[in-house]
């Protein structure tokens, strides 16, 4: 087990452990989403300064907790001004994301067609998430982009994944227009 001390861990971890016992990914994700939202809105989660640092070229990814019993991980992402992601997936793993500070633009996509390593998506819902807002991604509905649009401050998000991710697929624009090429992206932590 890896654990970085942070305020509210004594309340969050039991919620996540209980959610991990749900019989379905949807049930687990909903319970995590509700618990995360409630704790953030109460101001019960206090993150260490080390988890609030964006990367120079991309968001900072900081591991806070890894459950040996249930395999889930708790990660913070620190989004610098203008930082975001291309369309990406979570390698078939459910995830719950909650905004701790700032504002995050989330755009969801549906996969419409695949030809080998080329994919065509249709943009779906786009919304701005504020502190306390949380959402869940449950495969096969996992394609999305995230972006900090604030011109003034970083955005900090908390993520709970069903298991540790060391890679995901990112989708870069390709020709003909409207198609994307899949590339495997390795993931690591900044702490």
C-alpha atoms as a PDB file:
ATOM      1  CA  UNK A   1       0.000   0.000   0.000  1.00  0.00           C
ATOM      2  CA  UNK A   2       1.200   3.478  -0.836  1.00  0.00           C
ATOM      3  CA  UNK A   3      -0.316   6.362   1.040  1.00  0.00           C
ATOM      4  CA  UNK A   4       0.516  10.041   1.041  1.00  0.00           C
ATOM      5  CA  UNK A   5      -0.922  11.743   4.097  1.00  0.00           C
ATOM      6  CA  UNK A   6      -3.697  14.133   3.185  1.00  0.00           C
ATOM      7  CA  UNK A   7      -6.573  15.648   5.116  1.00  0.00           C
ATOM      8  CA  UNK A   8      -9.759  13.649   4.725  1.00  0.00           C
ATOM      9  CA  UNK A   9      -8.046  10.330   3.894  1.00  0.00           C
ATOM     10  CA  UNK A  10      -9.566   8.856   7.061  1.00  0.00           C
ATOM     11  CA  UNK A  11     -13.021   9.557   5.592  1.00  0.00           C
ATOM     12  CA  UNK A  12     -12.359   8.961   1.886  1.00  0.00           C
ATOM     13  CA  UNK A  13     -10.618   5.571   2.096  1.00  0.00           C
ATOM     14  CA  UNK A  14     -13.487   3.816   3.968  1.00  0.00           C
ATOM     15  CA  UNK A  15     -15.944   5.159   1.361  1.00  0.00           C
ATOM     16  CA  UNK A  16     -13.770   3.787  -1.443  1.00  0.00           C
ATOM     17  CA  UNK A  17     -13.263   0.433   0.294  1.00  0.00           C
ATOM     18  CA  UNK A  18     -17.018   0.062   0.737  1.00  0.00           C
ATOM     19  CA  UNK A  19     -17.675   1.072  -2.880  1.00  0.00           C
ATOM     20  CA  UNK A  20     -15.128  -1.482  -4.115  1.00  0.00           C
ATOM     21  CA  UNK A  21     -17.359  -4.222  -2.686  1.00  0.00           C
ATOM     22  CA  UNK A  22     -20.270  -3.331  -4.991  1.00  0.00           C
ATOM     23  CA  UNK A  23     -21.137  -6.094  -7.470  1.00  0.00           C
ATOM     24  CA  UNK A  24     -20.951  -3.881 -10.574  1.00  0.00           C
ATOM     25  CA  UNK A  25     -18.590  -1.231 -11.935  1.00  0.00           C
ATOM     26  CA  UNK A  26     -21.564   1.124 -12.284  1.00  0.00           C
ATOM     27  CA  UNK A  27     -22.509   0.655  -8.628  1.00  0.00           C
ATOM     28  CA  UNK A  28     -18.922   1.164  -7.487  1.00  0.00           C
ATOM     29  CA  UNK A  29     -18.443   4.256  -9.632  1.00  0.00           C
ATOM     30  CA  UNK A  30     -21.723   5.813  -8.438  1.00  0.00           C
ATOM     31  CA  UNK A  31     -20.831   5.297  -4.779  1.00  0.00           C
ATOM     32  CA  UNK A  32     -17.317   6.720  -5.334  1.00  0.00           C
ATOM     33  CA  UNK A  33     -18.790   9.679  -7.252  1.00  0.00           C
ATOM     34  CA  UNK A  34     -21.285  10.485  -4.487  1.00  0.00           C
ATOM     35  CA  UNK A  35     -18.699  10.141  -1.719  1.00  0.00           C
ATOM     36  CA  UNK A  36     -16.062  12.198  -3.495  1.00  0.00           C
ATOM     37  CA  UNK A  37     -18.556  14.934  -4.326  1.00  0.00           C
ATOM     38  CA  UNK A  38     -19.799  15.108  -0.731  1.00  0.00           C
ATOM     39  CA  UNK A  39     -16.309  15.261   0.811  1.00  0.00           C
ATOM     40  CA  UNK A  40     -15.087  17.933  -1.615  1.00  0.00           C
ATOM     41  CA  UNK A  41     -18.222  20.040  -1.047  1.00  0.00           C
ATOM     42  CA  UNK A  42     -17.779  19.742   2.730  1.00  0.00           C
ATOM     43  CA  UNK A  43     -14.173  20.903   2.419  1.00  0.00           C
ATOM     44  CA  UNK A  44     -13.137  17.638   4.093  1.00  0.00           C
ATOM     45  CA  UNK A  45     -10.265  16.893   1.703  1.00  0.00           C
ATOM     46  CA  UNK A  46      -7.060  18.862   2.191  1.00  0.00           C
ATOM     47  CA  UNK A  47      -4.363  17.997  -0.321  1.00  0.00           C
ATOM     48  CA  UNK A  48      -0.632  18.385   0.337  1.00  0.00           C
ATOM     49  CA  UNK A  49       1.301  21.029  -1.602  1.00  0.00           C
ATOM     50  CA  UNK A  50       3.239  18.261  -3.377  1.00  0.00           C
ATOM     51  CA  UNK A  51      -0.009  17.123  -5.071  1.00  0.00           C
ATOM     52  CA  UNK A  52      -0.802  20.587  -6.458  1.00  0.00           C
ATOM     53  CA  UNK A  53       2.123  20.995  -8.847  1.00  0.00           C
ATOM     54  CA  UNK A  54       1.420  21.065 -12.607  1.00  0.00           C
ATOM     55  CA  UNK A  55       4.061  19.731 -14.961  1.00  0.00           C
ATOM     56  CA  UNK A  56       5.995  22.059 -17.235  1.00  0.00           C
ATOM     57  CA  UNK A  57       4.525  20.732 -20.474  1.00  0.00           C
ATOM     58  CA  UNK A  58       1.531  18.726 -19.274  1.00  0.00           C
ATOM     59  CA  UNK A  59      -0.633  18.248 -16.225  1.00  0.00           C
ATOM     60  CA  UNK A  60       1.047  16.920 -13.071  1.00  0.00           C
ATOM     61  CA  UNK A  61      -0.026  13.405 -12.057  1.00  0.00           C
ATOM     62  CA  UNK A  62       0.447  12.588  -8.357  1.00  0.00           C
ATOM     63  CA  UNK A  63      -0.311   9.254  -6.668  1.00  0.00           C
ATOM     64  CA  UNK A  64      -1.949   9.661  -3.241  1.00  0.00           C
ATOM     65  CA  UNK A  65      -3.119   6.164  -2.379  1.00  0.00           C
ATOM     66  CA  UNK A  66      -3.031   2.603  -3.700  1.00  0.00           C
ATOM     67  CA  UNK A  67      -5.272  -0.045  -2.121  1.00  0.00           C
ATOM     68  CA  UNK A  68      -3.610  -3.431  -1.811  1.00  0.00           C
ATOM     69  CA  UNK A  69      -6.916  -5.100  -0.972  1.00  0.00           C
ATOM     70  CA  UNK A  70      -9.084  -3.625  -3.748  1.00  0.00           C
ATOM     71  CA  UNK A  71      -6.497  -2.448  -6.354  1.00  0.00           C
ATOM     72  CA  UNK A  72      -7.974   1.062  -6.793  1.00  0.00           C
ATOM     73  CA  UNK A  73      -5.777   4.162  -6.780  1.00  0.00           C
ATOM     74  CA  UNK A  74      -6.377   7.787  -5.814  1.00  0.00           C
ATOM     75  CA  UNK A  75      -4.538  10.318  -7.978  1.00  0.00           C
ATOM     76  CA  UNK A  76      -4.472  14.106  -8.138  1.00  0.00           C
ATOM     77  CA  UNK A  77      -3.943  15.919 -11.388  1.00  0.00           C
ATOM     78  CA  UNK A  78      -2.714  19.489 -11.363  1.00  0.00           C
ATOM     79  CA  UNK A  79      -3.611  21.300 -14.585  1.00  0.00           C
ATOM     80  CA  UNK A  80      -1.556  24.384 -15.424  1.00  0.00           C
ATOM     81  CA  UNK A  81      -3.053  27.307 -17.296  1.00  0.00           C
ATOM     82  CA  UNK A  82      -4.180  26.095 -20.721  1.00  0.00           C
ATOM     83  CA  UNK A  83      -3.161  22.471 -20.144  1.00  0.00           C
ATOM     84  CA  UNK A  84      -5.386  19.675 -21.413  1.00  0.00           C
ATOM     85  CA  UNK A  85      -5.489  16.269 -23.046  1.00  0.00           C
ATOM     86  CA  UNK A  86      -6.166  14.919 -26.512  1.00  0.00           C
ATOM     87  CA  UNK A  87      -9.045  12.468 -26.877  1.00  0.00           C
ATOM     88  CA  UNK A  88      -8.059   9.496 -24.745  1.00  0.00           C
ATOM     89  CA  UNK A  89      -9.410   6.410 -23.015  1.00  0.00           C
ATOM     90  CA  UNK A  90      -8.742   4.756 -19.667  1.00  0.00           C
ATOM     91  CA  UNK A  91      -7.677   1.381 -21.056  1.00  0.00           C
ATOM     92  CA  UNK A  92     -11.020  -0.197 -20.175  1.00  0.00           C
ATOM     93  CA  UNK A  93     -10.881   0.876 -16.505  1.00  0.00           C
ATOM     94  CA  UNK A  94     -13.676   2.779 -14.738  1.00  0.00           C
ATOM     95  CA  UNK A  95     -12.733   6.135 -13.266  1.00  0.00           C
ATOM     96  CA  UNK A  96     -14.348   8.820 -11.148  1.00  0.00           C
ATOM     97  CA  UNK A  97     -13.073  12.383 -11.486  1.00  0.00           C
ATOM     98  CA  UNK A  98     -13.869  15.238  -9.112  1.00  0.00           C
ATOM     99  CA  UNK A  99     -12.828  18.889  -9.269  1.00  0.00           C
ATOM    100  CA  UNK A 100     -11.132  19.973  -6.043  1.00  0.00           C
ATOM    101  CA  UNK A 101     -10.160  23.486  -7.141  1.00  0.00           C
ATOM    102  CA  UNK A 102     -10.642  25.520 -10.305  1.00  0.00           C
ATOM    103  CA  UNK A 103     -12.683  24.714 -13.370  1.00  0.00           C
ATOM    104  CA  UNK A 104     -12.274  21.871 -15.865  1.00  0.00           C
ATOM    105  CA  UNK A 105     -13.820  21.558 -19.307  1.00  0.00           C
ATOM    106  CA  UNK A 106     -14.881  17.978 -20.052  1.00  0.00           C
ATOM    107  CA  UNK A 107     -15.845  16.813 -23.533  1.00  0.00           C
ATOM    108  CA  UNK A 108     -17.197  13.313 -24.058  1.00  0.00           C
ATOM    109  CA  UNK A 109     -16.999  11.358 -27.318  1.00  0.00           C
ATOM    110  CA  UNK A 110     -18.697   8.240 -28.691  1.00  0.00           C
ATOM    111  CA  UNK A 111     -16.771   5.845 -30.904  1.00  0.00           C
ATOM    112  CA  UNK A 112     -18.578   5.659 -34.249  1.00  0.00           C
ATOM    113  CA  UNK A 113     -16.206   3.687 -36.463  1.00  0.00           C
ATOM    114  CA  UNK A 114     -12.865   1.888 -36.336  1.00  0.00           C
ATOM    115  CA  UNK A 115     -10.561   0.798 -39.158  1.00  0.00           C
ATOM    116  CA  UNK A 116      -7.441  -0.833 -37.716  1.00  0.00           C
ATOM    117  CA  UNK A 117      -5.699   1.804 -35.597  1.00  0.00           C
ATOM    118  CA  UNK A 118      -7.824   4.630 -36.993  1.00  0.00           C
ATOM    119  CA  UNK A 119     -10.946   5.781 -35.170  1.00  0.00           C
ATOM    120  CA  UNK A 120     -13.827   8.121 -35.883  1.00  0.00           C
ATOM    121  CA  UNK A 121     -15.554   9.791 -32.940  1.00  0.00           C
ATOM    122  CA  UNK A 122     -18.677  11.854 -32.521  1.00  0.00           C
ATOM    123  CA  UNK A 123     -18.526  14.656 -29.996  1.00  0.00           C
ATOM    124  CA  UNK A 124     -21.199  14.369 -27.351  1.00  0.00           C
ATOM    125  CA  UNK A 125     -21.696  16.424 -24.236  1.00  0.00           C
ATOM    126  CA  UNK A 126     -19.324  19.221 -23.260  1.00  0.00           C
ATOM    127  CA  UNK A 127     -19.543  20.875 -19.873  1.00  0.00           C
ATOM    128  CA  UNK A 128     -17.593  22.851 -17.311  1.00  0.00           C
ATOM    129  CA  UNK A 129     -17.001  21.161 -13.980  1.00  0.00           C
ATOM    130  CA  UNK A 130     -16.516  23.283 -10.859  1.00  0.00           C
ATOM    131  CA  UNK A 131     -15.283  22.446  -7.342  1.00  0.00           C
ATOM    132  CA  UNK A 132     -17.354  19.576  -5.967  1.00  0.00           C
ATOM    133  CA  UNK A 133     -18.572  18.414  -9.378  1.00  0.00           C
ATOM    134  CA  UNK A 134     -17.742  14.804 -10.131  1.00  0.00           C
ATOM    135  CA  UNK A 135     -18.332  12.405 -12.975  1.00  0.00           C
ATOM    136  CA  UNK A 136     -17.754   8.772 -13.829  1.00  0.00           C
ATOM    137  CA  UNK A 137     -16.414   7.037 -16.911  1.00  0.00           C
ATOM    138  CA  UNK A 138     -17.430   3.427 -17.304  1.00  0.00           C
ATOM    139  CA  UNK A 139     -16.212   1.527 -20.378  1.00  0.00           C
ATOM    140  CA  UNK A 140     -17.140   1.397 -23.169  1.00  0.00           C
ATOM    141  CA  UNK A 141     -18.091   5.072 -22.601  1.00  0.00           C
ATOM    142  CA  UNK A 142     -14.631   6.315 -21.726  1.00  0.00           C
ATOM    143  CA  UNK A 143     -13.460   8.569 -24.577  1.00  0.00           C
ATOM    144  CA  UNK A 144     -13.017  12.184 -23.531  1.00  0.00           C
ATOM    145  CA  UNK A 145     -10.837  15.282 -23.292  1.00  0.00           C
ATOM    146  CA  UNK A 146     -10.090  17.409 -20.237  1.00  0.00           C
ATOM    147  CA  UNK A 147      -8.807  20.995 -20.206  1.00  0.00           C
ATOM    148  CA  UNK A 148      -8.090  23.797 -17.774  1.00  0.00           C
ATOM    149  CA  UNK A 149      -9.382  26.880 -19.549  1.00  0.00           C
ATOM    150  CA  UNK A 150      -8.579  29.314 -16.742  1.00  0.00           C
ATOM    151  CA  UNK A 151      -6.199  32.093 -17.792  1.00  0.00           C
ATOM    152  CA  UNK A 152      -5.342  32.731 -14.129  1.00  0.00           C
ATOM    153  CA  UNK A 153      -4.852  29.591 -12.046  1.00  0.00           C
ATOM    154  CA  UNK A 154      -4.235  25.847 -12.035  1.00  0.00           C
ATOM    155  CA  UNK A 155      -7.116  23.415 -11.683  1.00  0.00           C
ATOM    156  CA  UNK A 156      -6.768  20.472  -9.299  1.00  0.00           C
ATOM    157  CA  UNK A 157      -8.746  17.266  -9.794  1.00  0.00           C
ATOM    158  CA  UNK A 158      -9.029  14.043  -7.807  1.00  0.00           C
ATOM    159  CA  UNK A 159      -9.302  10.758  -9.720  1.00  0.00           C
ATOM    160  CA  UNK A 160     -10.135   7.294  -8.457  1.00  0.00           C
ATOM    161  CA  UNK A 161      -9.296   4.476 -10.884  1.00  0.00           C
ATOM    162  CA  UNK A 162     -10.329   0.824 -10.544  1.00  0.00           C
ATOM    163  CA  UNK A 163      -6.640  -0.045 -10.851  1.00  0.00           C
ATOM    164  CA  UNK A 164      -3.347   1.673 -11.502  1.00  0.00           C
ATOM    165  CA  UNK A 165      -2.909   2.752 -15.122  1.00  0.00           C
ATOM    166  CA  UNK A 166       0.545   2.635 -16.657  1.00  0.00           C
ATOM    167  CA  UNK A 167      -0.731   3.340 -20.171  1.00  0.00           C
ATOM    168  CA  UNK A 168      -3.768   4.531 -22.102  1.00  0.00           C
ATOM    169  CA  UNK A 169      -4.624   5.236 -25.717  1.00  0.00           C
ATOM    170  CA  UNK A 170      -4.550   8.783 -27.053  1.00  0.00           C
ATOM    171  CA  UNK A 171      -6.098   9.707 -30.373  1.00  0.00           C
ATOM    172  CA  UNK A 172      -4.394  12.253 -32.610  1.00  0.00           C
ATOM    173  CA  UNK A 173      -6.050  13.827 -35.677  1.00  0.00           C
ATOM    174  CA  UNK A 174      -5.340  11.940 -38.919  1.00  0.00           C
ATOM    175  CA  UNK A 175      -6.366  12.145 -42.536  1.00  0.00           C
ATOM    176  CA  UNK A 176      -8.939  12.073 -43.880  1.00  0.00           C
ATOM    177  CA  UNK A 177     -10.463  14.727 -41.664  1.00  0.00           C
ATOM    178  CA  UNK A 178     -12.625  13.398 -38.855  1.00  0.00           C
ATOM    179  CA  UNK A 179     -10.405  10.365 -38.245  1.00  0.00           C
ATOM    180  CA  UNK A 180      -7.932   9.851 -35.409  1.00  0.00           C
ATOM    181  CA  UNK A 181      -4.875   7.631 -35.131  1.00  0.00           C
ATOM    182  CA  UNK A 182      -4.480   5.652 -31.895  1.00  0.00           C
ATOM    183  CA  UNK A 183      -1.171   5.839 -30.066  1.00  0.00           C
ATOM    184  CA  UNK A 184      -0.248   4.129 -26.821  1.00  0.00           C
ATOM    185  CA  UNK A 185       0.867   6.601 -24.159  1.00  0.00           C
ATOM    186  CA  UNK A 186       2.813   5.517 -21.107  1.00  0.00           C
ATOM    187  CA  UNK A 187       1.681   7.047 -17.825  1.00  0.00           C
ATOM    188  CA  UNK A 188       3.793   7.781 -14.780  1.00  0.00           C
ATOM    189  CA  UNK A 189       3.609   9.829 -11.609  1.00  0.00           C
ATOM    190  CA  UNK A 190       5.405  13.059 -10.818  1.00  0.00           C
ATOM    191  CA  UNK A 191       5.921  12.132  -7.164  1.00  0.00           C
END
